[in-house]
Amino acid sequence: MSYVIAQPCVDVKDKACLEECPVDCIYEGERALYIQPDECVDCGACEPVCPVEAIFYEDDVPAKWQVYIQANAEFFTELGSPGGASKLGLIEHDHALVAAQPQQSLA
């Protein structure tokens, strides 16, 4: 199990969670952030700092966002487990589920 970033993060990417993550397992896609499930140590440091409440422990993801569990894991299919997000920086793609979302207004 690990933490998952769901729909409220799309087009927001506040990044407060990046600063709190002690193992650097939160990666930045074009429109959303993703937690590498094999690198996450389940510490929960990221969850309370998310201003849009997009981060959930995998067992606690609301039903309406359950698809983000699989999308989060699948984001790393090609990327694998690089061992730290900071050395990669922005990854210039998103999972198809995120890419298909209508652009969210940040107003």
C-alpha atoms as a PDB file:
ATOM      1  CA  MET A   1       0.000   0.000   0.000  1.00  0.00           C
ATOM      2  CA  SER A   2       0.999   3.586  -0.515  1.00  0.00           C
ATOM      3  CA  TYR A   3      -0.454   7.030  -0.771  1.00  0.00           C
ATOM      4  CA  VAL A   4      -2.259   8.143  -3.936  1.00  0.00           C
ATOM      5  CA  ILE A   5      -2.807  11.576  -5.450  1.00  0.00           C
ATOM      6  CA  ALA A   6      -6.325  11.957  -6.860  1.00  0.00           C
ATOM      7  CA  GLN A   7      -8.294  14.310  -9.112  1.00  0.00           C
ATOM      8  CA  PRO A   8      -8.148  17.510  -6.976  1.00  0.00           C
ATOM      9  CA  CYS A   9      -4.437  17.823  -7.824  1.00  0.00           C
ATOM     10  CA  VAL A  10      -5.015  18.017 -11.580  1.00  0.00           C
ATOM     11  CA  ASP A  11      -3.937  21.481 -12.791  1.00  0.00           C
ATOM     12  CA  VAL A  12      -3.154  22.584  -9.220  1.00  0.00           C
ATOM     13  CA  LYS A  13       0.224  20.989  -8.388  1.00  0.00           C
ATOM     14  CA  ASP A  14       0.757  23.034  -5.203  1.00  0.00           C
ATOM     15  CA  LYS A  15       3.936  21.017  -4.464  1.00  0.00           C
ATOM     16  CA  ALA A  16       3.851  21.464  -0.675  1.00  0.00           C
ATOM     17  CA  CYS A  17       3.871  17.666  -0.567  1.00  0.00           C
ATOM     18  CA  LEU A  18       7.197  17.557  -2.434  1.00  0.00           C
ATOM     19  CA  GLU A  19       8.870  19.506   0.341  1.00  0.00           C
ATOM     20  CA  GLU A  20       7.428  17.244   3.057  1.00  0.00           C
ATOM     21  CA  CYS A  21       8.225  13.886   1.459  1.00  0.00           C
ATOM     22  CA  PRO A  22      11.298  12.462   3.236  1.00  0.00           C
ATOM     23  CA  VAL A  23      12.007   9.893   0.489  1.00  0.00           C
ATOM     24  CA  ASP A  24      11.470  12.088  -2.613  1.00  0.00           C
ATOM     25  CA  CYS A  25       8.840   9.744  -4.106  1.00  0.00           C
ATOM     26  CA  ILE A  26       6.418  12.361  -5.472  1.00  0.00           C
ATOM     27  CA  TYR A  27       6.971  12.950  -9.185  1.00  0.00           C
ATOM     28  CA  GLU A  28       5.708  15.843 -11.274  1.00  0.00           C
ATOM     29  CA  GLY A  29       3.820  15.232 -14.496  1.00  0.00           C
ATOM     30  CA  GLU A  30       2.587  18.014 -16.763  1.00  0.00           C
ATOM     31  CA  ARG A  31      -0.779  18.478 -15.032  1.00  0.00           C
ATOM     32  CA  ALA A  32      -0.586  16.439 -11.817  1.00  0.00           C
ATOM     33  CA  LEU A  33       1.726  14.913  -9.235  1.00  0.00           C
ATOM     34  CA  TYR A  34       2.157  11.155  -8.760  1.00  0.00           C
ATOM     35  CA  ILE A  35       3.446   9.035  -5.869  1.00  0.00           C
ATOM     36  CA  GLN A  36       5.768   6.170  -6.847  1.00  0.00           C
ATOM     37  CA  PRO A  37       4.161   3.264  -4.924  1.00  0.00           C
ATOM     38  CA  ASP A  38       7.380   1.227  -4.561  1.00  0.00           C
ATOM     39  CA  GLU A  39       9.300   4.206  -3.169  1.00  0.00           C
ATOM     40  CA  CYS A  40       6.584   5.484  -0.784  1.00  0.00           C
ATOM     41  CA  VAL A  41       7.273   4.524   2.847  1.00  0.00           C
ATOM     42  CA  ASP A  42       3.704   5.308   3.991  1.00  0.00           C
ATOM     43  CA  CYS A  43       4.835   8.003   6.416  1.00  0.00           C
ATOM     44  CA  GLY A  44       1.838  10.220   5.640  1.00  0.00           C
ATOM     45  CA  ALA A  45       3.823  13.479   5.758  1.00  0.00           C
ATOM     46  CA  CYS A  46       2.398  14.572   2.395  1.00  0.00           C
ATOM     47  CA  GLU A  47      -1.290  14.171   3.219  1.00  0.00           C
ATOM     48  CA  PRO A  48      -1.877  17.001   5.741  1.00  0.00           C
ATOM     49  CA  VAL A  49       0.023  19.625   3.729  1.00  0.00           C
ATOM     50  CA  CYS A  50      -2.024  19.196   0.544  1.00  0.00           C
ATOM     51  CA  PRO A  51      -4.178  22.342   0.270  1.00  0.00           C
ATOM     52  CA  VAL A  52      -6.743  20.677  -2.015  1.00  0.00           C
ATOM     53  CA  GLU A  53      -6.960  17.391  -0.051  1.00  0.00           C
ATOM     54  CA  ALA A  54      -5.927  15.287  -3.045  1.00  0.00           C
ATOM     55  CA  ILE A  55      -3.701  12.802  -1.184  1.00  0.00           C
ATOM     56  CA  PHE A  56      -5.150   9.658   0.345  1.00  0.00           C
ATOM     57  CA  TYR A  57      -3.866   6.429   1.805  1.00  0.00           C
ATOM     58  CA  GLU A  58      -4.700   3.816  -0.837  1.00  0.00           C
ATOM     59  CA  ASP A  59      -7.398   2.170   1.326  1.00  0.00           C
ATOM     60  CA  ASP A  60      -9.031   5.560   1.962  1.00  0.00           C
ATOM     61  CA  VAL A  61      -9.374   6.880  -1.600  1.00  0.00           C
ATOM     62  CA  PRO A  62     -13.020   7.969  -2.065  1.00  0.00           C
ATOM     63  CA  ALA A  63     -15.058   5.764  -4.415  1.00  0.00           C
ATOM     64  CA  LYS A  64     -15.369   8.520  -7.008  1.00  0.00           C
ATOM     65  CA  TRP A  65     -11.555   8.650  -7.337  1.00  0.00           C
ATOM     66  CA  GLN A  66     -10.696   4.936  -7.091  1.00  0.00           C
ATOM     67  CA  VAL A  67      -9.460   4.985 -10.713  1.00  0.00           C
ATOM     68  CA  TYR A  68      -6.571   7.182  -9.555  1.00  0.00           C
ATOM     69  CA  ILE A  69      -5.066   4.242  -7.634  1.00  0.00           C
ATOM     70  CA  GLN A  70      -4.405   2.418 -10.891  1.00  0.00           C
ATOM     71  CA  ALA A  71      -3.554   5.591 -12.819  1.00  0.00           C
ATOM     72  CA  ASN A  72      -0.984   6.566 -10.188  1.00  0.00           C
ATOM     73  CA  ALA A  73       0.710   3.148 -10.408  1.00  0.00           C
ATOM     74  CA  GLU A  74       0.511   3.017 -14.221  1.00  0.00           C
ATOM     75  CA  PHE A  75       2.235   6.395 -14.511  1.00  0.00           C
ATOM     76  CA  PHE A  76       5.391   4.537 -13.468  1.00  0.00           C
ATOM     77  CA  THR A  77       5.064   1.633 -15.942  1.00  0.00           C
ATOM     78  CA  GLU A  78       7.729   3.017 -18.255  1.00  0.00           C
ATOM     79  CA  LEU A  79       9.479   5.214 -15.699  1.00  0.00           C
ATOM     80  CA  GLY A  80       9.993   2.429 -13.177  1.00  0.00           C
ATOM     81  CA  SER A  81      11.433   3.314  -9.794  1.00  0.00           C
ATOM     82  CA  PRO A  82      14.060   5.994 -10.477  1.00  0.00           C
ATOM     83  CA  GLY A  83      14.924   6.383  -6.791  1.00  0.00           C
ATOM     84  CA  GLY A  84      14.044  10.034  -6.379  1.00  0.00           C
ATOM     85  CA  ALA A  85      11.916  12.607  -8.136  1.00  0.00           C
ATOM     86  CA  SER A  86      14.197  15.600  -7.660  1.00  0.00           C
ATOM     87  CA  LYS A  87      16.832  14.265 -10.060  1.00  0.00           C
ATOM     88  CA  LEU A  88      14.231  13.911 -12.845  1.00  0.00           C
ATOM     89  CA  GLY A  89      12.299  17.166 -12.511  1.00  0.00           C
ATOM     90  CA  LEU A  90       9.223  17.668 -14.666  1.00  0.00           C
ATOM     91  CA  ILE A  91       8.148  14.574 -16.583  1.00  0.00           C
ATOM     92  CA  GLU A  92       6.560  15.886 -19.752  1.00  0.00           C
ATOM     93  CA  HIS A  93       3.507  13.643 -19.834  1.00  0.00           C
ATOM     94  CA  ASP A  94       0.630  12.472 -17.653  1.00  0.00           C
ATOM     95  CA  HIS A  95      -1.363   9.308 -17.294  1.00  0.00           C
ATOM     96  CA  ALA A  96      -4.124   9.156 -19.925  1.00  0.00           C
ATOM     97  CA  LEU A  97      -6.775   9.599 -17.215  1.00  0.00           C
ATOM     98  CA  VAL A  98      -5.258  12.920 -16.156  1.00  0.00           C
ATOM     99  CA  ALA A  99      -4.533  14.051 -19.709  1.00  0.00           C
ATOM    100  CA  ALA A 100      -8.187  13.487 -20.640  1.00  0.00           C
ATOM    101  CA  GLN A 101      -9.509  15.680 -17.813  1.00  0.00           C
ATOM    102  CA  PRO A 102     -10.926  19.057 -18.847  1.00  0.00           C
ATOM    103  CA  GLN A 103      -8.660  21.934 -17.859  1.00  0.00           C
ATOM    104  CA  GLN A 104      -9.561  23.059 -14.329  1.00  0.00           C
ATOM    105  CA  SER A 105      -9.987  26.727 -13.611  1.00  0.00           C
ATOM    106  CA  LEU A 106      -7.755  27.834 -10.755  1.00  0.00           C
ATOM    107  CA  ALA A 107      -9.741  30.969 -10.003  1.00  0.00           C
END
